[in-house]
Amino acid sequence: PSDDKRHWIRANVRGANGELLLVGNPIY
């Protein structure tokens, strides 16, 4: 839900043990 303010949202993927596998760029 938007609040009309500036934000950025992005995604990562972590493995089953928490290791960082994939780093995504944001949508603004």
PDB file of all heavy atoms in Angstrom:
ATOM      1  N   PRO A   1       0.821  -1.206   0.000  1.00  0.00           N
ATOM      2  CA  PRO A   1       0.000   0.000   0.000  1.00  0.00           C
ATOM      3  C   PRO A   1       0.860   1.263   0.000  1.00  0.00           C
ATOM      4  O   PRO A   1       1.719   1.447   0.867  1.00  0.00           O
ATOM      5  CB  PRO A   1      -0.793  -0.122   1.301  1.00  0.00           C
ATOM      6  CG  PRO A   1       0.101  -0.917   2.215  1.00  0.00           C
ATOM      7  CD  PRO A   1       0.903  -1.829   1.345  1.00  0.00           C
ATOM      8  N   SER A   2       0.643   2.126  -0.965  1.00  0.00           N
ATOM      9  CA  SER A   2       1.426   3.362  -1.056  1.00  0.00           C
ATOM     10  C   SER A   2       0.955   4.378  -0.019  1.00  0.00           C
ATOM     11  O   SER A   2      -0.228   4.459   0.320  1.00  0.00           O
ATOM     12  CB  SER A   2       1.291   3.967  -2.451  1.00  0.00           C
ATOM     13  OG  SER A   2       1.933   5.218  -2.517  1.00  0.00           O
ATOM     14  N   ASP A   3       1.900   5.180   0.459  1.00  0.00           N
ATOM     15  CA  ASP A   3       1.572   6.298   1.360  1.00  0.00           C
ATOM     16  C   ASP A   3       1.881   7.644   0.708  1.00  0.00           C
ATOM     17  O   ASP A   3       1.955   8.666   1.399  1.00  0.00           O
ATOM     18  CB  ASP A   3       2.338   6.163   2.679  1.00  0.00           C
ATOM     19  CG  ASP A   3       3.859   6.129   2.477  1.00  0.00           C
ATOM     20  OD1 ASP A   3       4.317   6.283   1.314  1.00  0.00           O
ATOM     21  OD2 ASP A   3       4.593   5.947   3.464  1.00  0.00           O
ATOM     22  N   ASP A   4       2.094   7.630  -0.622  1.00  0.00           N
ATOM     23  CA  ASP A   4       2.345   8.836  -1.409  1.00  0.00           C
ATOM     24  C   ASP A   4       3.742   9.407  -1.163  1.00  0.00           C
ATOM     25  O   ASP A   4       4.038  10.506  -1.621  1.00  0.00           O
ATOM     26  CB  ASP A   4       1.274   9.905  -1.130  1.00  0.00           C
ATOM     27  CG  ASP A   4       1.177  10.926  -2.258  1.00  0.00           C
ATOM     28  OD1 ASP A   4       1.412  10.551  -3.421  1.00  0.00           O
ATOM     29  OD2 ASP A   4       0.863  12.113  -1.985  1.00  0.00           O
ATOM     30  N   LYS A   5       4.610   8.669  -0.454  1.00  0.00           N
ATOM     31  CA  LYS A   5       5.965   9.149  -0.180  1.00  0.00           C
ATOM     32  C   LYS A   5       6.960   8.406  -1.072  1.00  0.00           C
ATOM     33  O   LYS A   5       6.630   7.426  -1.729  1.00  0.00           O
ATOM     34  CB  LYS A   5       6.309   8.945   1.302  1.00  0.00           C
ATOM     35  CG  LYS A   5       5.451   9.769   2.247  1.00  0.00           C
ATOM     36  CD  LYS A   5       5.840   9.518   3.693  1.00  0.00           C
ATOM     37  CE  LYS A   5       4.969  10.331   4.639  1.00  0.00           C
ATOM     38  NZ  LYS A   5       5.309  10.070   6.068  1.00  0.00           N
ATOM     39  N   ARG A   6       8.195   8.906  -1.057  1.00  0.00           N
ATOM     40  CA  ARG A   6       9.248   8.297  -1.848  1.00  0.00           C
ATOM     41  C   ARG A   6       9.769   7.040  -1.152  1.00  0.00           C
ATOM     42  O   ARG A   6      10.063   7.052   0.051  1.00  0.00           O
ATOM     43  CB  ARG A   6      10.404   9.280  -2.023  1.00  0.00           C
ATOM     44  CG  ARG A   6      11.516   8.796  -2.950  1.00  0.00           C
ATOM     45  CD  ARG A   6      12.688   9.746  -2.918  1.00  0.00           C
ATOM     46  NE  ARG A   6      13.434   9.595  -1.665  1.00  0.00           N
ATOM     47  CZ  ARG A   6      14.277  10.486  -1.179  1.00  0.00           C
ATOM     48  NH1 ARG A   6      14.444  11.634  -1.807  1.00  0.00           N
ATOM     49  NH2 ARG A   6      14.927  10.271  -0.054  1.00  0.00           N
ATOM     50  N   HIS A   7       9.888   5.940  -1.910  1.00  0.00           N
ATOM     51  CA  HIS A   7      10.412   4.685  -1.373  1.00  0.00           C
ATOM     52  C   HIS A   7      11.181   3.946  -2.460  1.00  0.00           C
ATOM     53  O   HIS A   7      11.046   4.256  -3.648  1.00  0.00           O
ATOM     54  CB  HIS A   7       9.273   3.768  -0.882  1.00  0.00           C
ATOM     55  CG  HIS A   7       8.472   4.337   0.243  1.00  0.00           C
ATOM     56  ND1 HIS A   7       8.897   4.332   1.547  1.00  0.00           N
ATOM     57  CD2 HIS A   7       7.236   4.927   0.246  1.00  0.00           C
ATOM     58  CE1 HIS A   7       7.981   4.891   2.320  1.00  0.00           C
ATOM     59  NE2 HIS A   7       6.965   5.267   1.549  1.00  0.00           N
ATOM     60  N   TRP A   8      11.961   2.995  -2.032  1.00  0.00           N
ATOM     61  CA  TRP A   8      12.526   2.016  -2.971  1.00  0.00           C
ATOM     62  C   TRP A   8      12.333   0.622  -2.392  1.00  0.00           C
ATOM     63  O   TRP A   8      12.415   0.418  -1.186  1.00  0.00           O
ATOM     64  CB  TRP A   8      13.990   2.303  -3.302  1.00  0.00           C
ATOM     65  CG  TRP A   8      14.942   2.373  -2.129  1.00  0.00           C
ATOM     66  CD1 TRP A   8      15.300   3.473  -1.420  1.00  0.00           C
ATOM     67  CD2 TRP A   8      15.683   1.274  -1.560  1.00  0.00           C
ATOM     68  NE1 TRP A   8      16.200   3.161  -0.435  1.00  0.00           N
ATOM     69  CE2 TRP A   8      16.457   1.817  -0.494  1.00  0.00           C
ATOM     70  CE3 TRP A   8      15.767  -0.079  -1.829  1.00  0.00           C
ATOM     71  CZ2 TRP A   8      17.306   1.019   0.281  1.00  0.00           C
ATOM     72  CZ3 TRP A   8      16.603  -0.871  -1.052  1.00  0.00           C
ATOM     73  CH2 TRP A   8      17.367  -0.310  -0.019  1.00  0.00           C
ATOM     74  N   ILE A   9      12.039  -0.312  -3.288  1.00  0.00           N
ATOM     75  CA  ILE A   9      11.764  -1.691  -2.886  1.00  0.00           C
ATOM     76  C   ILE A   9      12.571  -2.608  -3.790  1.00  0.00           C
ATOM     77  O   ILE A   9      12.574  -2.448  -5.019  1.00  0.00           O
ATOM     78  CB  ILE A   9      10.258  -2.013  -3.011  1.00  0.00           C
ATOM     79  CG1 ILE A   9       9.456  -1.155  -2.017  1.00  0.00           C
ATOM     80  CG2 ILE A   9       9.994  -3.500  -2.763  1.00  0.00           C
ATOM     81  CD1 ILE A   9       7.953  -1.332  -2.120  1.00  0.00           C
ATOM     82  N   ARG A  10      13.264  -3.558  -3.182  1.00  0.00           N
ATOM     83  CA  ARG A  10      14.052  -4.495  -3.968  1.00  0.00           C
ATOM     84  C   ARG A  10      14.000  -5.872  -3.327  1.00  0.00           C
ATOM     85  O   ARG A  10      13.476  -6.045  -2.221  1.00  0.00           O
ATOM     86  CB  ARG A  10      15.490  -4.012  -4.141  1.00  0.00           C
ATOM     87  CG  ARG A  10      16.331  -4.028  -2.891  1.00  0.00           C
ATOM     88  CD  ARG A  10      17.782  -3.602  -3.177  1.00  0.00           C
ATOM     89  NE  ARG A  10      18.689  -3.946  -2.078  1.00  0.00           N
ATOM     90  CZ  ARG A  10      19.266  -5.133  -1.952  1.00  0.00           C
ATOM     91  NH1 ARG A  10      19.025  -6.093  -2.830  1.00  0.00           N
ATOM     92  NH2 ARG A  10      20.079  -5.384  -0.944  1.00  0.00           N
ATOM     93  N   ALA A  11      14.566  -6.853  -4.027  1.00  0.00           N
ATOM     94  CA  ALA A  11      14.539  -8.237  -3.564  1.00  0.00           C
ATOM     95  C   ALA A  11      15.938  -8.831  -3.560  1.00  0.00           C
ATOM     96  O   ALA A  11      16.780  -8.498  -4.406  1.00  0.00           O
ATOM     97  CB  ALA A  11      13.627  -9.073  -4.455  1.00  0.00           C
ATOM     98  N   ASN A  12      16.190  -9.695  -2.594  1.00  0.00           N
ATOM     99  CA  ASN A  12      17.340 -10.591  -2.577  1.00  0.00           C
ATOM    100  C   ASN A  12      16.834 -12.019  -2.588  1.00  0.00           C
ATOM    101  O   ASN A  12      15.660 -12.284  -2.267  1.00  0.00           O
ATOM    102  CB  ASN A  12      18.175 -10.409  -1.299  1.00  0.00           C
ATOM    103  CG  ASN A  12      18.914  -9.092  -1.240  1.00  0.00           C
ATOM    104  OD1 ASN A  12      19.313  -8.546  -2.262  1.00  0.00           O
ATOM    105  ND2 ASN A  12      19.112  -8.582  -0.026  1.00  0.00           N
ATOM    106  N   VAL A  13      17.708 -12.944  -2.882  1.00  0.00           N
ATOM    107  CA  VAL A  13      17.443 -14.363  -2.648  1.00  0.00           C
ATOM    108  C   VAL A  13      18.551 -14.897  -1.754  1.00  0.00           C
ATOM    109  O   VAL A  13      19.741 -14.702  -2.039  1.00  0.00           O
ATOM    110  CB  VAL A  13      17.376 -15.167  -3.963  1.00  0.00           C
ATOM    111  CG1 VAL A  13      17.270 -16.664  -3.663  1.00  0.00           C
ATOM    112  CG2 VAL A  13      16.193 -14.727  -4.809  1.00  0.00           C
ATOM    113  N   ARG A  14      18.126 -15.543  -0.660  1.00  0.00           N
ATOM    114  CA  ARG A  14      19.077 -16.153   0.267  1.00  0.00           C
ATOM    115  C   ARG A  14      18.904 -17.665   0.244  1.00  0.00           C
ATOM    116  O   ARG A  14      17.791 -18.179   0.098  1.00  0.00           O
ATOM    117  CB  ARG A  14      18.882 -15.624   1.679  1.00  0.00           C
ATOM    118  CG  ARG A  14      19.277 -14.154   1.834  1.00  0.00           C
ATOM    119  CD  ARG A  14      19.224 -13.690   3.273  1.00  0.00           C
ATOM    120  NE  ARG A  14      19.635 -12.294   3.400  1.00  0.00           N
ATOM    121  CZ  ARG A  14      20.892 -11.889   3.581  1.00  0.00           C
ATOM    122  NH1 ARG A  14      21.858 -12.788   3.668  1.00  0.00           N
ATOM    123  NH2 ARG A  14      21.171 -10.604   3.678  1.00  0.00           N
ATOM    124  N   GLY A  15      20.014 -18.381   0.404  1.00  0.00           N
ATOM    125  CA  GLY A  15      19.971 -19.833   0.448  1.00  0.00           C
ATOM    126  C   GLY A  15      19.343 -20.331   1.733  1.00  0.00           C
ATOM    127  O   GLY A  15      19.042 -19.563   2.661  1.00  0.00           O
ATOM    128  N   ALA A  16      19.177 -21.636   1.814  1.00  0.00           N
ATOM    129  CA  ALA A  16      18.529 -22.232   2.974  1.00  0.00           C
ATOM    130  C   ALA A  16      19.269 -21.926   4.273  1.00  0.00           C
ATOM    131  O   ALA A  16      18.662 -21.889   5.355  1.00  0.00           O
ATOM    132  CB  ALA A  16      18.419 -23.748   2.772  1.00  0.00           C
ATOM    133  N   ASN A  17      20.585 -21.678   4.190  1.00  0.00           N
ATOM    134  CA  ASN A  17      21.380 -21.353   5.376  1.00  0.00           C
ATOM    135  C   ASN A  17      21.594 -19.856   5.560  1.00  0.00           C
ATOM    136  O   ASN A  17      22.418 -19.437   6.374  1.00  0.00           O
ATOM    137  CB  ASN A  17      22.730 -22.059   5.298  1.00  0.00           C
ATOM    138  CG  ASN A  17      22.589 -23.564   5.319  1.00  0.00           C
ATOM    139  OD1 ASN A  17      21.759 -24.103   6.070  1.00  0.00           O
ATOM    140  ND2 ASN A  17      23.370 -24.259   4.491  1.00  0.00           N
ATOM    141  N   GLY A  18      20.880 -19.041   4.792  1.00  0.00           N
ATOM    142  CA  GLY A  18      20.964 -17.594   4.942  1.00  0.00           C
ATOM    143  C   GLY A  18      21.987 -16.912   4.073  1.00  0.00           C
ATOM    144  O   GLY A  18      22.092 -15.679   4.087  1.00  0.00           O
ATOM    145  N   GLU A  19      22.763 -17.664   3.288  1.00  0.00           N
ATOM    146  CA  GLU A  19      23.787 -17.047   2.451  1.00  0.00           C
ATOM    147  C   GLU A  19      23.129 -16.238   1.329  1.00  0.00           C
ATOM    148  O   GLU A  19      22.105 -16.626   0.783  1.00  0.00           O
ATOM    149  CB  GLU A  19      24.734 -18.103   1.875  1.00  0.00           C
ATOM    150  CG  GLU A  19      24.117 -19.090   0.915  1.00  0.00           C
ATOM    151  CD  GLU A  19      23.476 -20.304   1.572  1.00  0.00           C
ATOM    152  OE1 GLU A  19      23.093 -20.202   2.764  1.00  0.00           O
ATOM    153  OE2 GLU A  19      23.339 -21.339   0.899  1.00  0.00           O
ATOM    154  N   LEU A  20      23.729 -15.091   1.015  1.00  0.00           N
ATOM    155  CA  LEU A  20      23.188 -14.193   0.009  1.00  0.00           C
ATOM    156  C   LEU A  20      23.550 -14.719  -1.376  1.00  0.00           C
ATOM    157  O   LEU A  20      24.727 -14.758  -1.745  1.00  0.00           O
ATOM    158  CB  LEU A  20      23.733 -12.780   0.221  1.00  0.00           C
ATOM    159  CG  LEU A  20      23.139 -11.662  -0.634  1.00  0.00           C
ATOM    160  CD1 LEU A  20      21.630 -11.571  -0.482  1.00  0.00           C
ATOM    161  CD2 LEU A  20      23.801 -10.330  -0.273  1.00  0.00           C
ATOM    162  N   LEU A  21      22.540 -15.109  -2.151  1.00  0.00           N
ATOM    163  CA  LEU A  21      22.775 -15.693  -3.470  1.00  0.00           C
ATOM    164  C   LEU A  21      22.572 -14.697  -4.595  1.00  0.00           C
ATOM    165  O   LEU A  21      23.365 -14.637  -5.527  1.00  0.00           O
ATOM    166  CB  LEU A  21      21.844 -16.892  -3.684  1.00  0.00           C
ATOM    167  CG  LEU A  21      21.935 -18.038  -2.671  1.00  0.00           C
ATOM    168  CD1 LEU A  21      20.935 -19.134  -3.033  1.00  0.00           C
ATOM    169  CD2 LEU A  21      23.343 -18.602  -2.607  1.00  0.00           C
ATOM    170  N   LEU A  22      21.489 -13.927  -4.545  1.00  0.00           N
ATOM    171  CA  LEU A  22      21.132 -13.004  -5.614  1.00  0.00           C
ATOM    172  C   LEU A  22      20.778 -11.657  -5.007  1.00  0.00           C
ATOM    173  O   LEU A  22      20.068 -11.584  -3.995  1.00  0.00           O
ATOM    174  CB  LEU A  22      19.945 -13.537  -6.424  1.00  0.00           C
ATOM    175  CG  LEU A  22      20.101 -14.939  -7.038  1.00  0.00           C
ATOM    176  CD1 LEU A  22      18.786 -15.396  -7.673  1.00  0.00           C
ATOM    177  CD2 LEU A  22      21.221 -14.960  -8.080  1.00  0.00           C
ATOM    178  N   VAL A  23      21.267 -10.585  -5.631  1.00  0.00           N
ATOM    179  CA  VAL A  23      21.036  -9.215  -5.161  1.00  0.00           C
ATOM    180  C   VAL A  23      20.310  -8.466  -6.266  1.00  0.00           C
ATOM    181  O   VAL A  23      20.852  -8.302  -7.373  1.00  0.00           O
ATOM    182  CB  VAL A  23      22.368  -8.508  -4.826  1.00  0.00           C
ATOM    183  CG1 VAL A  23      22.112  -7.074  -4.384  1.00  0.00           C
ATOM    184  CG2 VAL A  23      23.128  -9.282  -3.757  1.00  0.00           C
ATOM    185  N   GLY A  24      19.095  -8.005  -5.985  1.00  0.00           N
ATOM    186  CA  GLY A  24      18.318  -7.292  -6.987  1.00  0.00           C
ATOM    187  C   GLY A  24      18.417  -5.797  -6.844  1.00  0.00           C
ATOM    188  O   GLY A  24      18.691  -5.266  -5.755  1.00  0.00           O
ATOM    189  N   ASN A  25      18.187  -5.084  -7.939  1.00  0.00           N
ATOM    190  CA  ASN A  25      18.113  -3.626  -7.911  1.00  0.00           C
ATOM    191  C   ASN A  25      16.694  -3.176  -7.596  1.00  0.00           C
ATOM    192  O   ASN A  25      15.736  -3.938  -7.756  1.00  0.00           O
ATOM    193  CB  ASN A  25      18.596  -3.056  -9.246  1.00  0.00           C
ATOM    194  CG  ASN A  25      20.098  -2.832  -9.254  1.00  0.00           C
ATOM    195  OD1 ASN A  25      20.579  -1.825  -8.754  1.00  0.00           O
ATOM    196  ND2 ASN A  25      20.849  -3.801  -9.790  1.00  0.00           N
ATOM    197  N   PRO A  26      16.528  -1.931  -7.151  1.00  0.00           N
ATOM    198  CA  PRO A  26      15.217  -1.489  -6.671  1.00  0.00           C
ATOM    199  C   PRO A  26      14.250  -1.106  -7.789  1.00  0.00           C
ATOM    200  O   PRO A  26      14.638  -0.779  -8.914  1.00  0.00           O
ATOM    201  CB  PRO A  26      15.536  -0.237  -5.836  1.00  0.00           C
ATOM    202  CG  PRO A  26      17.006  -0.142  -5.743  1.00  0.00           C
ATOM    203  CD  PRO A  26      17.553  -0.917  -6.895  1.00  0.00           C
ATOM    204  N   ILE A  27      12.991  -1.116  -7.440  1.00  0.00           N
ATOM    205  CA  ILE A  27      11.959  -0.353  -8.140  1.00  0.00           C
ATOM    206  C   ILE A  27      11.684   0.865  -7.269  1.00  0.00           C
ATOM    207  O   ILE A  27      11.549   0.766  -6.045  1.00  0.00           O
ATOM    208  CB  ILE A  27      10.689  -1.191  -8.355  1.00  0.00           C
ATOM    209  CG1 ILE A  27      10.981  -2.308  -9.377  1.00  0.00           C
ATOM    210  CG2 ILE A  27       9.541  -0.315  -8.833  1.00  0.00           C
ATOM    211  CD1 ILE A  27       9.836  -3.269  -9.580  1.00  0.00           C
ATOM    212  N   TYR A  28      11.624   2.041  -7.899  1.00  0.00           N
ATOM    213  CA  TYR A  28      11.501   3.298  -7.165  1.00  0.00           C
ATOM    214  C   TYR A  28      10.043   3.763  -7.192  1.00  0.00           C
ATOM    215  O   TYR A  28       9.404   3.795  -8.241  1.00  0.00           O
ATOM    216  CB  TYR A  28      12.409   4.360  -7.791  1.00  0.00           C
ATOM    217  CG  TYR A  28      13.869   3.966  -7.787  1.00  0.00           C
ATOM    218  CD1 TYR A  28      14.438   3.281  -8.862  1.00  0.00           C
ATOM    219  CD2 TYR A  28      14.681   4.256  -6.700  1.00  0.00           C
ATOM    220  CE1 TYR A  28      15.767   2.906  -8.862  1.00  0.00           C
ATOM    221  CE2 TYR A  28      16.023   3.887  -6.678  1.00  0.00           C
ATOM    222  CZ  TYR A  28      16.562   3.209  -7.761  1.00  0.00           C
ATOM    223  OH  TYR A  28      17.887   2.836  -7.749  1.00  0.00           O
TER     224      TYR A  28
END
